[in-house]
Amino acid sequence: MLLQIPEWELVAVDEISRLQRVFKLKNYAEALAFTNKVAAIAEEEDHHPLIVLEWGRVTVQWWTHVVKGLHQNDFIMAAKTDAIFG
């Protein structure tokens, strides 16, 4: 399924696989707006990522806590995050 979201990479944190992508934006305001959009779909889907907001940059990590790794839903949420980014 990783082929469907080519901008994402697999990373491991404490031996738990996660999907990660760094999104580059023009400034802090755009990064914050993007973060809020990702947060909104996370709330809607009741599936919450790690989001790191910086000036002009947002890092998003998706994984499923219950399975301690990746689930199909993580790939779906990554694709939805890509769609928000445009």
N, C-alpha and C. Protein backbone atom coordinates (compact mmCIF):
# COMPACT_ATOMS: atom_id res chain seq x y z
N MET A 1 0.81 -1.20 0.00
CA MET A 1 0.00 0.00 0.00
C MET A 1 0.85 1.27 0.00
N LEU A 2 2.11 1.13 0.37
CA LEU A 2 3.01 2.28 0.38
C LEU A 2 3.17 2.88 -1.02
N LEU A 3 2.99 2.07 -2.04
CA LEU A 3 3.09 2.57 -3.41
C LEU A 3 2.01 3.59 -3.73
N GLN A 4 0.89 3.54 -3.01
CA GLN A 4 -0.22 4.46 -3.23
C GLN A 4 0.04 5.84 -2.61
N ILE A 5 1.02 5.90 -1.72
CA ILE A 5 1.36 7.17 -1.04
C ILE A 5 2.88 7.38 -1.12
N PRO A 6 3.39 7.63 -2.33
CA PRO A 6 4.84 7.63 -2.54
C PRO A 6 5.63 8.70 -1.78
N GLU A 7 4.98 9.75 -1.32
CA GLU A 7 5.69 10.81 -0.59
C GLU A 7 5.95 10.43 0.87
N TRP A 8 5.34 9.35 1.32
CA TRP A 8 5.46 8.93 2.72
C TRP A 8 6.60 7.94 2.86
N GLU A 9 7.20 7.93 4.05
CA GLU A 9 8.27 6.98 4.33
C GLU A 9 7.91 6.18 5.58
N LEU A 10 8.50 5.01 5.66
CA LEU A 10 8.35 4.19 6.86
C LEU A 10 9.44 4.59 7.85
N VAL A 11 9.06 4.84 9.08
CA VAL A 11 10.02 5.11 10.14
C VAL A 11 9.66 4.21 11.31
N ALA A 12 10.62 3.96 12.16
CA ALA A 12 10.37 3.15 13.36
C ALA A 12 10.71 3.98 14.59
N VAL A 13 9.79 3.98 15.53
CA VAL A 13 10.00 4.65 16.81
C VAL A 13 9.73 3.60 17.88
N ASP A 14 10.75 3.33 18.68
CA ASP A 14 10.63 2.26 19.69
C ASP A 14 10.19 0.95 19.06
N GLU A 15 10.75 0.68 17.87
CA GLU A 15 10.48 -0.54 17.11
C GLU A 15 9.04 -0.65 16.61
N ILE A 16 8.33 0.46 16.58
CA ILE A 16 6.97 0.49 16.06
C ILE A 16 6.98 1.25 14.74
N SER A 17 6.50 0.60 13.68
CA SER A 17 6.48 1.22 12.35
C SER A 17 5.43 2.32 12.28
N ARG A 18 5.81 3.40 11.62
CA ARG A 18 4.92 4.54 11.41
C ARG A 18 5.09 5.04 9.98
N LEU A 19 4.06 5.68 9.47
CA LEU A 19 4.16 6.40 8.20
C LEU A 19 4.48 7.84 8.54
N GLN A 20 5.43 8.43 7.82
CA GLN A 20 5.81 9.81 8.10
C GLN A 20 5.99 10.59 6.81
N ARG A 21 5.53 11.83 6.85
CA ARG A 21 5.77 12.76 5.74
C ARG A 21 5.99 14.14 6.30
N VAL A 22 6.92 14.86 5.69
CA VAL A 22 7.17 16.26 6.03
C VAL A 22 6.55 17.11 4.92
N PHE A 23 5.66 17.99 5.31
CA PHE A 23 4.99 18.89 4.37
C PHE A 23 5.63 20.27 4.50
N LYS A 24 6.00 20.86 3.37
CA LYS A 24 6.62 22.18 3.37
C LYS A 24 5.61 23.20 2.88
N LEU A 25 5.48 24.26 3.67
CA LEU A 25 4.52 25.31 3.37
C LEU A 25 5.24 26.66 3.35
N LYS A 26 4.54 27.72 2.95
CA LYS A 26 5.18 29.02 2.76
C LYS A 26 5.58 29.72 4.05
N ASN A 27 4.80 29.52 5.11
CA ASN A 27 5.07 30.26 6.35
C ASN A 27 4.36 29.57 7.52
N TYR A 28 4.44 30.19 8.67
CA TYR A 28 3.84 29.59 9.87
C TYR A 28 2.31 29.56 9.79
N ALA A 29 1.71 30.62 9.28
CA ALA A 29 0.25 30.67 9.18
C ALA A 29 -0.29 29.55 8.29
N GLU A 30 0.36 29.30 7.15
CA GLU A 30 -0.08 28.21 6.27
C GLU A 30 0.15 26.85 6.92
N ALA A 31 1.26 26.72 7.63
CA ALA A 31 1.52 25.46 8.33
C ALA A 31 0.48 25.21 9.41
N LEU A 32 0.10 26.25 10.11
CA LEU A 32 -0.92 26.13 11.15
C LEU A 32 -2.28 25.77 10.55
N ALA A 33 -2.63 26.41 9.45
CA ALA A 33 -3.91 26.11 8.79
C ALA A 33 -3.95 24.65 8.32
N PHE A 34 -2.85 24.18 7.76
CA PHE A 34 -2.77 22.78 7.32
C PHE A 34 -2.90 21.85 8.52
N THR A 35 -2.20 22.18 9.60
CA THR A 35 -2.27 21.38 10.83
C THR A 35 -3.72 21.27 11.31
N ASN A 36 -4.42 22.38 11.30
CA ASN A 36 -5.82 22.38 11.75
C ASN A 36 -6.71 21.52 10.85
N LYS A 37 -6.44 21.50 9.57
CA LYS A 37 -7.21 20.66 8.65
C LYS A 37 -6.94 19.18 8.91
N VAL A 38 -5.68 18.84 9.15
CA VAL A 38 -5.34 17.44 9.48
C VAL A 38 -6.01 17.05 10.80
N ALA A 39 -5.97 17.95 11.77
CA ALA A 39 -6.61 17.68 13.06
C ALA A 39 -8.11 17.46 12.90
N ALA A 40 -8.74 18.20 12.01
CA ALA A 40 -10.18 18.06 11.80
C ALA A 40 -10.53 16.68 11.24
N ILE A 41 -9.76 16.20 10.27
CA ILE A 41 -10.09 14.86 9.74
C ILE A 41 -9.73 13.79 10.76
N ALA A 42 -8.72 14.04 11.56
CA ALA A 42 -8.37 13.08 12.61
C ALA A 42 -9.52 12.95 13.61
N GLU A 43 -10.10 14.05 13.99
CA GLU A 43 -11.24 14.03 14.91
C GLU A 43 -12.43 13.34 14.26
N GLU A 44 -12.67 13.66 12.99
CA GLU A 44 -13.79 13.08 12.25
C GLU A 44 -13.68 11.56 12.18
N GLU A 45 -12.47 11.08 11.97
CA GLU A 45 -12.23 9.64 11.82
C GLU A 45 -11.88 8.96 13.14
N ASP A 46 -11.72 9.73 14.20
CA ASP A 46 -11.30 9.23 15.51
C ASP A 46 -10.00 8.43 15.41
N HIS A 47 -9.07 9.00 14.66
CA HIS A 47 -7.75 8.39 14.47
C HIS A 47 -6.75 9.54 14.43
N HIS A 48 -5.88 9.61 15.42
CA HIS A 48 -5.09 10.81 15.64
C HIS A 48 -3.60 10.58 15.42
N PRO A 49 -2.99 11.41 14.57
CA PRO A 49 -1.56 11.29 14.29
C PRO A 49 -0.72 12.11 15.25
N LEU A 50 0.57 11.91 15.15
CA LEU A 50 1.52 12.84 15.75
C LEU A 50 1.72 13.95 14.72
N ILE A 51 1.56 15.18 15.15
CA ILE A 51 1.75 16.33 14.26
C ILE A 51 2.76 17.26 14.90
N VAL A 52 3.80 17.59 14.16
CA VAL A 52 4.81 18.54 14.63
C VAL A 52 4.73 19.77 13.73
N LEU A 53 4.38 20.89 14.33
CA LEU A 53 4.21 22.15 13.60
C LEU A 53 5.45 23.02 13.81
N GLU A 54 6.01 23.48 12.70
CA GLU A 54 7.15 24.39 12.73
C GLU A 54 6.89 25.48 11.69
N TRP A 55 7.73 26.49 11.66
CA TRP A 55 7.59 27.54 10.66
C TRP A 55 7.76 26.93 9.28
N GLY A 56 6.70 26.98 8.48
CA GLY A 56 6.76 26.50 7.10
C GLY A 56 6.91 25.00 6.93
N ARG A 57 6.63 24.26 7.99
CA ARG A 57 6.86 22.82 7.91
C ARG A 57 5.95 22.09 8.92
N VAL A 58 5.34 20.99 8.45
CA VAL A 58 4.51 20.16 9.32
C VAL A 58 4.92 18.71 9.07
N THR A 59 5.28 18.03 10.14
CA THR A 59 5.60 16.60 10.05
C THR A 59 4.42 15.83 10.62
N VAL A 60 3.95 14.83 9.87
CA VAL A 60 2.81 14.03 10.29
C VAL A 60 3.24 12.56 10.34
N GLN A 61 2.88 11.89 11.41
CA GLN A 61 3.12 10.45 11.54
C GLN A 61 1.80 9.76 11.85
N TRP A 62 1.50 8.73 11.07
CA TRP A 62 0.32 7.89 11.30
C TRP A 62 0.76 6.49 11.70
N TRP A 63 0.11 5.94 12.71
CA TRP A 63 0.25 4.54 13.11
C TRP A 63 -0.90 4.23 14.03
N THR A 64 -1.10 2.96 14.31
CA THR A 64 -2.22 2.54 15.14
C THR A 64 -1.69 2.02 16.46
N HIS A 65 -2.04 2.71 17.52
CA HIS A 65 -1.55 2.36 18.86
C HIS A 65 -1.96 0.95 19.27
N VAL A 66 -3.21 0.59 18.99
CA VAL A 66 -3.74 -0.71 19.44
C VAL A 66 -2.95 -1.88 18.86
N VAL A 67 -2.55 -1.79 17.60
CA VAL A 67 -1.82 -2.89 16.98
C VAL A 67 -0.31 -2.69 17.07
N LYS A 68 0.09 -1.55 17.65
CA LYS A 68 1.52 -1.22 17.79
C LYS A 68 2.24 -1.29 16.45
N GLY A 69 1.64 -0.66 15.47
CA GLY A 69 2.22 -0.64 14.14
C GLY A 69 1.22 -0.08 13.14
N LEU A 70 1.35 -0.54 11.91
CA LEU A 70 0.53 -0.01 10.83
C LEU A 70 -0.69 -0.87 10.55
N HIS A 71 -1.77 -0.18 10.23
CA HIS A 71 -3.05 -0.79 9.87
C HIS A 71 -3.49 -0.13 8.56
N GLN A 72 -4.38 -0.76 7.86
CA GLN A 72 -4.88 -0.22 6.60
C GLN A 72 -5.37 1.22 6.77
N ASN A 73 -5.99 1.50 7.89
CA ASN A 73 -6.51 2.84 8.15
C ASN A 73 -5.41 3.90 8.15
N ASP A 74 -4.20 3.55 8.55
CA ASP A 74 -3.10 4.52 8.54
C ASP A 74 -2.78 4.95 7.12
N PHE A 75 -2.82 4.02 6.19
CA PHE A 75 -2.56 4.34 4.79
C PHE A 75 -3.67 5.21 4.22
N ILE A 76 -4.91 4.91 4.61
CA ILE A 76 -6.05 5.71 4.17
C ILE A 76 -5.92 7.13 4.70
N MET A 77 -5.56 7.27 5.98
CA MET A 77 -5.41 8.60 6.56
C MET A 77 -4.23 9.36 5.94
N ALA A 78 -3.18 8.66 5.59
CA ALA A 78 -2.07 9.31 4.90
C ALA A 78 -2.54 9.86 3.56
N ALA A 79 -3.32 9.08 2.83
CA ALA A 79 -3.84 9.54 1.54
C ALA A 79 -4.77 10.73 1.73
N LYS A 80 -5.59 10.72 2.78
CA LYS A 80 -6.46 11.86 3.06
C LYS A 80 -5.64 13.10 3.42
N THR A 81 -4.55 12.89 4.12
CA THR A 81 -3.66 14.02 4.46
C THR A 81 -3.06 14.61 3.19
N ASP A 82 -2.64 13.75 2.27
CA ASP A 82 -2.12 14.21 0.99
C ASP A 82 -3.17 15.04 0.24
N ALA A 83 -4.42 14.58 0.27
CA ALA A 83 -5.50 15.29 -0.43
C ALA A 83 -5.71 16.70 0.15
N ILE A 84 -5.58 16.82 1.46
CA ILE A 84 -5.70 18.14 2.09
C ILE A 84 -4.58 19.06 1.62
N PHE A 85 -3.39 18.50 1.51
CA PHE A 85 -2.24 19.29 1.11
C PHE A 85 -2.38 19.77 -0.34
N GLY A 86 -3.05 18.92 -1.13
CA GLY A 86 -3.31 19.29 -2.51
C GLY A 86 -2.22 18.96 -3.41
